[in-house]
Amino acid sequence: MLRSIINLFRNNKEETDNEMKYLITGLGNIGAEYAHTRHNIGFDILDAMAAEKDLTFEDKRYGAVTTYRFKGRSFILLKPNTYVNLSGRAVNYWLQKEKISVNNLLVVVDDLALPFGTLRLKPKGGDAGHNGLKSIQSTLGTTNYARLRFGIGNNFNRGQQVDYVLGKWDSEEKEILTEKIDLAIQMIKSFGTIGTARTMNQFNNK
């Protein structure tokens, strides 16, 4: 009887701990040629977040990982090393390894459909043509996971989309990029502490 009570307590504690744990995945491509490009804004946001606490990413299976703790929550920051097109492998592996519910998954992604610097949190949705989201959707078998969309604009001529997405920020964009990255970090923390709906109400119109 006592053993059953102890096991029940342990199971309840584990479930509670898992509810306080979040997987924050920033999408991007590994390699110096992709560093600080528009497509890698997910990596840059997670790097800036980790830098707040002098955290170091460790190279582990399917990605670079570190843990950011805030207000009793553990944010597992993941930068997949699978390249964007296979991001689902990394997300699925770390959700299972850390026993995190898909409800506590947030994917940080670049978005051509939004003006530069516009930030939008969504609780679910399609892939909008983004190969990283497409991979995650296919691997997890659901679109019901939160994503933080960072607008990169669409200031390119016909046929130049790839060059634009994989290109560096221009001088005007760089002037406000840090401010927008800081805002994205605030939204990630808010997602983990007050939830998706309240975070959307507070930040999506900024």
C-alpha atoms as a PDB file:
ATOM      1  CA  MET A   1       0.000   0.000   0.000  1.00  0.00           C
ATOM      2  CA  LEU A   2       2.766   2.409   0.989  1.00  0.00           C
ATOM      3  CA  ARG A   3       4.697   1.544  -2.179  1.00  0.00           C
ATOM      4  CA  SER A   4       1.613   2.273  -4.283  1.00  0.00           C
ATOM      5  CA  ILE A   5       1.207   5.678  -2.638  1.00  0.00           C
ATOM      6  CA  ILE A   6       4.884   6.489  -3.220  1.00  0.00           C
ATOM      7  CA  ASN A   7       4.668   5.459  -6.874  1.00  0.00           C
ATOM      8  CA  LEU A   8       1.523   7.536  -7.330  1.00  0.00           C
ATOM      9  CA  PHE A   9       3.279  10.555  -5.801  1.00  0.00           C
ATOM     10  CA  ARG A  10       6.275  10.063  -8.085  1.00  0.00           C
ATOM     11  CA  ASN A  11       4.064   9.739 -11.171  1.00  0.00           C
ATOM     12  CA  ASN A  12       2.086  12.855 -10.260  1.00  0.00           C
ATOM     13  CA  LYS A  13       5.288  14.799  -9.662  1.00  0.00           C
ATOM     14  CA  GLU A  14       6.714  13.656 -13.003  1.00  0.00           C
ATOM     15  CA  GLU A  15       3.542  14.713 -14.804  1.00  0.00           C
ATOM     16  CA  THR A  16       3.662  18.118 -13.089  1.00  0.00           C
ATOM     17  CA  ASP A  17       7.337  18.567 -13.963  1.00  0.00           C
ATOM     18  CA  ASN A  18       6.613  17.711 -17.590  1.00  0.00           C
ATOM     19  CA  GLU A  19       3.817  20.274 -17.685  1.00  0.00           C
ATOM     20  CA  MET A  20       6.363  22.912 -16.651  1.00  0.00           C
ATOM     21  CA  LYS A  21       8.747  21.936 -19.469  1.00  0.00           C
ATOM     22  CA  TYR A  22       8.657  23.432 -22.964  1.00  0.00           C
ATOM     23  CA  LEU A  23      10.450  22.660 -26.225  1.00  0.00           C
ATOM     24  CA  ILE A  24      11.337  25.861 -28.072  1.00  0.00           C
ATOM     25  CA  THR A  25      12.632  25.032 -31.548  1.00  0.00           C
ATOM     26  CA  GLY A  26      14.236  27.718 -33.684  1.00  0.00           C
ATOM     27  CA  LEU A  27      14.392  26.745 -37.352  1.00  0.00           C
ATOM     28  CA  GLY A  28      17.492  27.347 -39.430  1.00  0.00           C
ATOM     29  CA  ASN A  29      20.315  25.736 -41.359  1.00  0.00           C
ATOM     30  CA  ILE A  30      23.698  24.809 -39.937  1.00  0.00           C
ATOM     31  CA  GLY A  31      26.891  26.049 -41.586  1.00  0.00           C
ATOM     32  CA  ALA A  32      28.709  29.380 -41.802  1.00  0.00           C
ATOM     33  CA  GLU A  33      27.141  30.209 -45.178  1.00  0.00           C
ATOM     34  CA  TYR A  34      23.686  30.286 -43.568  1.00  0.00           C
ATOM     35  CA  ALA A  35      24.593  32.158 -40.384  1.00  0.00           C
ATOM     36  CA  HIS A  36      22.492  35.277 -39.702  1.00  0.00           C
ATOM     37  CA  THR A  37      20.450  34.933 -42.883  1.00  0.00           C
ATOM     38  CA  ARG A  38      16.718  35.638 -42.949  1.00  0.00           C
ATOM     39  CA  HIS A  39      15.965  31.907 -42.981  1.00  0.00           C
ATOM     40  CA  ASN A  40      17.984  31.468 -39.765  1.00  0.00           C
ATOM     41  CA  ILE A  41      16.118  33.965 -37.613  1.00  0.00           C
ATOM     42  CA  GLY A  42      14.951  31.063 -35.417  1.00  0.00           C
ATOM     43  CA  PHE A  43      18.568  30.239 -34.575  1.00  0.00           C
ATOM     44  CA  ASP A  44      19.395  33.891 -33.883  1.00  0.00           C
ATOM     45  CA  ILE A  45      16.452  34.343 -31.514  1.00  0.00           C
ATOM     46  CA  LEU A  46      17.422  31.269 -29.496  1.00  0.00           C
ATOM     47  CA  ASP A  47      21.076  32.364 -29.444  1.00  0.00           C
ATOM     48  CA  ALA A  48      20.041  35.752 -28.056  1.00  0.00           C
ATOM     49  CA  MET A  49      17.804  34.114 -25.457  1.00  0.00           C
ATOM     50  CA  ALA A  50      20.595  31.799 -24.309  1.00  0.00           C
ATOM     51  CA  ALA A  51      23.011  34.738 -24.138  1.00  0.00           C
ATOM     52  CA  GLU A  52      20.781  36.404 -21.520  1.00  0.00           C
ATOM     53  CA  LYS A  53      21.888  33.757 -19.014  1.00  0.00           C
ATOM     54  CA  ASP A  54      25.315  33.023 -20.525  1.00  0.00           C
ATOM     55  CA  LEU A  55      24.111  29.585 -21.571  1.00  0.00           C
ATOM     56  CA  THR A  56      26.094  27.423 -23.972  1.00  0.00           C
ATOM     57  CA  PHE A  57      24.498  25.152 -26.541  1.00  0.00           C
ATOM     58  CA  GLU A  58      25.711  21.555 -26.545  1.00  0.00           C
ATOM     59  CA  ASP A  59      25.823  19.511 -29.725  1.00  0.00           C
ATOM     60  CA  LYS A  60      23.572  16.522 -29.140  1.00  0.00           C
ATOM     61  CA  ARG A  61      21.489  14.171 -31.246  1.00  0.00           C
ATOM     62  CA  TYR A  62      19.674  16.036 -34.020  1.00  0.00           C
ATOM     63  CA  GLY A  63      20.685  19.467 -32.771  1.00  0.00           C
ATOM     64  CA  ALA A  64      22.299  21.945 -30.413  1.00  0.00           C
ATOM     65  CA  VAL A  65      20.488  22.147 -27.082  1.00  0.00           C
ATOM     66  CA  THR A  66      20.482  24.154 -23.865  1.00  0.00           C
ATOM     67  CA  THR A  67      18.007  24.716 -21.023  1.00  0.00           C
ATOM     68  CA  TYR A  68      16.734  28.173 -20.077  1.00  0.00           C
ATOM     69  CA  ARG A  69      14.948  28.386 -16.722  1.00  0.00           C
ATOM     70  CA  PHE A  70      12.413  31.108 -16.011  1.00  0.00           C
ATOM     71  CA  LYS A  71       9.734  31.415 -13.315  1.00  0.00           C
ATOM     72  CA  GLY A  72       9.759  27.713 -12.499  1.00  0.00           C
ATOM     73  CA  ARG A  73       9.626  26.678 -16.146  1.00  0.00           C
ATOM     74  CA  SER A  74      12.285  24.842 -18.124  1.00  0.00           C
ATOM     75  CA  PHE A  75      12.610  25.929 -21.738  1.00  0.00           C
ATOM     76  CA  ILE A  76      14.542  23.360 -23.774  1.00  0.00           C
ATOM     77  CA  LEU A  77      16.046  25.472 -26.572  1.00  0.00           C
ATOM     78  CA  LEU A  78      16.677  23.404 -29.700  1.00  0.00           C
ATOM     79  CA  LYS A  79      18.496  24.381 -32.883  1.00  0.00           C
ATOM     80  CA  PRO A  80      18.121  21.369 -35.203  1.00  0.00           C
ATOM     81  CA  ASN A  81      21.197  20.220 -37.138  1.00  0.00           C
ATOM     82  CA  THR A  82      19.056  18.411 -39.712  1.00  0.00           C
ATOM     83  CA  TYR A  83      18.724  21.444 -41.996  1.00  0.00           C
ATOM     84  CA  VAL A  84      15.317  23.099 -42.261  1.00  0.00           C
ATOM     85  CA  ASN A  85      13.793  20.506 -44.584  1.00  0.00           C
ATOM     86  CA  LEU A  86      14.114  17.703 -42.001  1.00  0.00           C
ATOM     87  CA  SER A  87      13.321  19.693 -38.846  1.00  0.00           C
ATOM     88  CA  GLY A  88      10.597  17.226 -37.887  1.00  0.00           C
ATOM     89  CA  ARG A  89      13.166  14.564 -36.961  1.00  0.00           C
ATOM     90  CA  ALA A  90      14.763  16.785 -34.343  1.00  0.00           C
ATOM     91  CA  VAL A  91      11.459  18.047 -32.944  1.00  0.00           C
ATOM     92  CA  ASN A  92       9.985  14.566 -32.619  1.00  0.00           C
ATOM     93  CA  TYR A  93      13.115  13.149 -30.980  1.00  0.00           C
ATOM     94  CA  TRP A  94      13.383  15.882 -28.339  1.00  0.00           C
ATOM     95  CA  LEU A  95       9.680  15.876 -27.549  1.00  0.00           C
ATOM     96  CA  GLN A  96       9.958  12.183 -26.766  1.00  0.00           C
ATOM     97  CA  LYS A  97      13.303  12.360 -24.993  1.00  0.00           C
ATOM     98  CA  GLU A  98      12.171  15.154 -22.677  1.00  0.00           C
ATOM     99  CA  LYS A  99       8.610  13.756 -22.380  1.00  0.00           C
ATOM    100  CA  ILE A 100       7.137  17.061 -23.517  1.00  0.00           C
ATOM    101  CA  SER A 101       3.583  17.307 -24.799  1.00  0.00           C
ATOM    102  CA  VAL A 102       3.039  18.781 -28.254  1.00  0.00           C
ATOM    103  CA  ASN A 103       0.940  21.373 -26.396  1.00  0.00           C
ATOM    104  CA  ASN A 104       4.211  22.674 -24.937  1.00  0.00           C
ATOM    105  CA  LEU A 105       5.990  22.902 -28.291  1.00  0.00           C
ATOM    106  CA  LEU A 106       6.749  26.284 -29.847  1.00  0.00           C
ATOM    107  CA  VAL A 107       8.444  26.579 -33.254  1.00  0.00           C
ATOM    108  CA  VAL A 108      10.137  29.869 -34.132  1.00  0.00           C
ATOM    109  CA  VAL A 109      10.097  30.367 -37.889  1.00  0.00           C
ATOM    110  CA  ASP A 110      10.695  32.973 -40.602  1.00  0.00           C
ATOM    111  CA  ASP A 111       7.664  34.052 -42.610  1.00  0.00           C
ATOM    112  CA  LEU A 112       7.618  35.660 -46.049  1.00  0.00           C
ATOM    113  CA  ALA A 113       3.937  36.550 -45.762  1.00  0.00           C
ATOM    114  CA  LEU A 114       4.515  39.001 -42.904  1.00  0.00           C
ATOM    115  CA  PRO A 115       6.188  42.423 -43.224  1.00  0.00           C
ATOM    116  CA  PHE A 116       9.693  42.578 -41.811  1.00  0.00           C
ATOM    117  CA  GLY A 117       9.756  42.584 -38.017  1.00  0.00           C
ATOM    118  CA  THR A 118       6.107  41.621 -37.575  1.00  0.00           C
ATOM    119  CA  LEU A 119       5.677  38.925 -34.928  1.00  0.00           C
ATOM    120  CA  ARG A 120       2.668  36.635 -34.769  1.00  0.00           C
ATOM    121  CA  LEU A 121       2.023  33.772 -32.361  1.00  0.00           C
ATOM    122  CA  LYS A 122      -0.416  31.123 -33.588  1.00  0.00           C
ATOM    123  CA  PRO A 123      -1.703  28.052 -31.714  1.00  0.00           C
ATOM    124  CA  LYS A 124      -1.810  25.930 -34.870  1.00  0.00           C
ATOM    125  CA  GLY A 125      -1.978  26.183 -38.663  1.00  0.00           C
ATOM    126  CA  GLY A 126      -0.702  24.919 -41.981  1.00  0.00           C
ATOM    127  CA  ASP A 127       2.866  25.008 -43.237  1.00  0.00           C
ATOM    128  CA  ALA A 128       2.328  28.084 -45.479  1.00  0.00           C
ATOM    129  CA  GLY A 129       4.854  26.627 -47.904  1.00  0.00           C
ATOM    130  CA  HIS A 130       7.630  26.531 -45.304  1.00  0.00           C
ATOM    131  CA  ASN A 131       9.594  23.285 -45.620  1.00  0.00           C
ATOM    132  CA  GLY A 132      10.499  23.223 -41.933  1.00  0.00           C
ATOM    133  CA  LEU A 133       6.878  23.384 -40.823  1.00  0.00           C
ATOM    134  CA  LYS A 134       5.996  20.871 -43.518  1.00  0.00           C
ATOM    135  CA  SER A 135       8.527  18.419 -42.092  1.00  0.00           C
ATOM    136  CA  ILE A 136       7.299  18.926 -38.517  1.00  0.00           C
ATOM    137  CA  GLN A 137       3.674  18.455 -39.570  1.00  0.00           C
ATOM    138  CA  SER A 138       4.504  15.291 -41.467  1.00  0.00           C
ATOM    139  CA  THR A 139       6.573  13.784 -38.658  1.00  0.00           C
ATOM    140  CA  LEU A 140       4.252  14.654 -35.772  1.00  0.00           C
ATOM    141  CA  GLY A 141       1.104  13.950 -37.770  1.00  0.00           C
ATOM    142  CA  THR A 142      -0.548  17.153 -36.584  1.00  0.00           C
ATOM    143  CA  THR A 143      -0.664  20.907 -37.189  1.00  0.00           C
ATOM    144  CA  ASN A 144      -1.832  21.551 -33.621  1.00  0.00           C
ATOM    145  CA  TYR A 145       1.375  23.038 -32.252  1.00  0.00           C
ATOM    146  CA  ALA A 146       2.230  26.675 -31.595  1.00  0.00           C
ATOM    147  CA  ARG A 147       4.490  28.650 -33.870  1.00  0.00           C
ATOM    148  CA  LEU A 148       6.006  32.107 -33.520  1.00  0.00           C
ATOM    149  CA  ARG A 149       6.193  33.634 -36.983  1.00  0.00           C
ATOM    150  CA  PHE A 150       8.857  36.285 -37.564  1.00  0.00           C
ATOM    151  CA  GLY A 151       8.121  38.380 -40.628  1.00  0.00           C
ATOM    152  CA  ILE A 152      11.013  38.721 -43.076  1.00  0.00           C
ATOM    153  CA  GLY A 153       9.023  40.546 -45.781  1.00  0.00           C
ATOM    154  CA  ASN A 154       8.960  39.733 -49.486  1.00  0.00           C
ATOM    155  CA  ASN A 155      11.050  42.482 -51.012  1.00  0.00           C
ATOM    156  CA  PHE A 156      12.390  40.468 -53.914  1.00  0.00           C
ATOM    157  CA  ASN A 157      11.819  40.204 -57.654  1.00  0.00           C
ATOM    158  CA  ARG A 158      10.244  37.236 -59.351  1.00  0.00           C
ATOM    159  CA  GLY A 159      12.510  34.192 -59.287  1.00  0.00           C
ATOM    160  CA  GLN A 160      14.693  35.563 -56.498  1.00  0.00           C
ATOM    161  CA  GLN A 161      12.877  34.123 -53.501  1.00  0.00           C
ATOM    162  CA  VAL A 162      15.589  31.614 -52.580  1.00  0.00           C
ATOM    163  CA  ASP A 163      18.340  34.231 -52.763  1.00  0.00           C
ATOM    164  CA  TYR A 164      16.246  36.580 -50.640  1.00  0.00           C
ATOM    165  CA  VAL A 165      15.404  34.019 -47.949  1.00  0.00           C
ATOM    166  CA  LEU A 166      19.002  32.801 -47.749  1.00  0.00           C
ATOM    167  CA  GLY A 167      20.352  36.354 -47.922  1.00  0.00           C
ATOM    168  CA  LYS A 168      21.638  38.601 -45.137  1.00  0.00           C
ATOM    169  CA  TRP A 169      19.642  41.400 -43.554  1.00  0.00           C
ATOM    170  CA  ASP A 170      20.101  44.794 -45.168  1.00  0.00           C
ATOM    171  CA  SER A 171      21.363  47.832 -43.243  1.00  0.00           C
ATOM    172  CA  GLU A 172      17.880  49.218 -42.529  1.00  0.00           C
ATOM    173  CA  GLU A 173      16.658  45.871 -41.210  1.00  0.00           C
ATOM    174  CA  LYS A 174      19.698  45.486 -38.977  1.00  0.00           C
ATOM    175  CA  GLU A 175      18.853  48.766 -37.218  1.00  0.00           C
ATOM    176  CA  ILE A 176      15.697  47.317 -35.663  1.00  0.00           C
ATOM    177  CA  LEU A 177      16.535  43.606 -35.708  1.00  0.00           C
ATOM    178  CA  THR A 178      17.800  43.504 -32.114  1.00  0.00           C
ATOM    179  CA  GLU A 179      14.620  45.164 -30.855  1.00  0.00           C
ATOM    180  CA  LYS A 180      12.465  42.612 -32.682  1.00  0.00           C
ATOM    181  CA  ILE A 181      14.537  39.682 -31.434  1.00  0.00           C
ATOM    182  CA  ASP A 182      14.108  40.970 -27.864  1.00  0.00           C
ATOM    183  CA  LEU A 183      10.349  41.118 -28.436  1.00  0.00           C
ATOM    184  CA  ALA A 184      10.363  37.534 -29.727  1.00  0.00           C
ATOM    185  CA  ILE A 185      12.135  36.410 -26.541  1.00  0.00           C
ATOM    186  CA  GLN A 186       9.494  38.155 -24.431  1.00  0.00           C
ATOM    187  CA  MET A 187       6.815  36.272 -26.366  1.00  0.00           C
ATOM    188  CA  ILE A 188       8.543  32.919 -25.822  1.00  0.00           C
ATOM    189  CA  LYS A 189       8.683  33.510 -22.067  1.00  0.00           C
ATOM    190  CA  SER A 190       5.061  34.628 -22.092  1.00  0.00           C
ATOM    191  CA  PHE A 191       4.019  31.500 -24.003  1.00  0.00           C
ATOM    192  CA  GLY A 192       5.474  29.359 -21.223  1.00  0.00           C
ATOM    193  CA  THR A 193       4.084  31.365 -18.325  1.00  0.00           C
ATOM    194  CA  ILE A 194       0.662  32.758 -19.270  1.00  0.00           C
ATOM    195  CA  GLY A 195      -0.177  30.594 -22.282  1.00  0.00           C
ATOM    196  CA  THR A 196      -0.822  31.009 -25.983  1.00  0.00           C
ATOM    197  CA  ALA A 197      -4.130  32.898 -25.923  1.00  0.00           C
ATOM    198  CA  ARG A 198      -3.043  35.579 -23.454  1.00  0.00           C
ATOM    199  CA  THR A 199       0.301  35.984 -25.206  1.00  0.00           C
ATOM    200  CA  MET A 200      -1.463  36.490 -28.532  1.00  0.00           C
ATOM    201  CA  ASN A 201      -3.728  39.134 -26.986  1.00  0.00           C
ATOM    202  CA  GLN A 202      -0.796  40.935 -25.423  1.00  0.00           C
ATOM    203  CA  PHE A 203       1.744  40.833 -28.245  1.00  0.00           C
ATOM    204  CA  ASN A 204       0.216  40.041 -31.653  1.00  0.00           C
ATOM    205  CA  ASN A 205      -0.875  43.615 -32.322  1.00  0.00           C
ATOM    206  CA  LYS A 206       2.453  45.215 -31.432  1.00  0.00           C
END
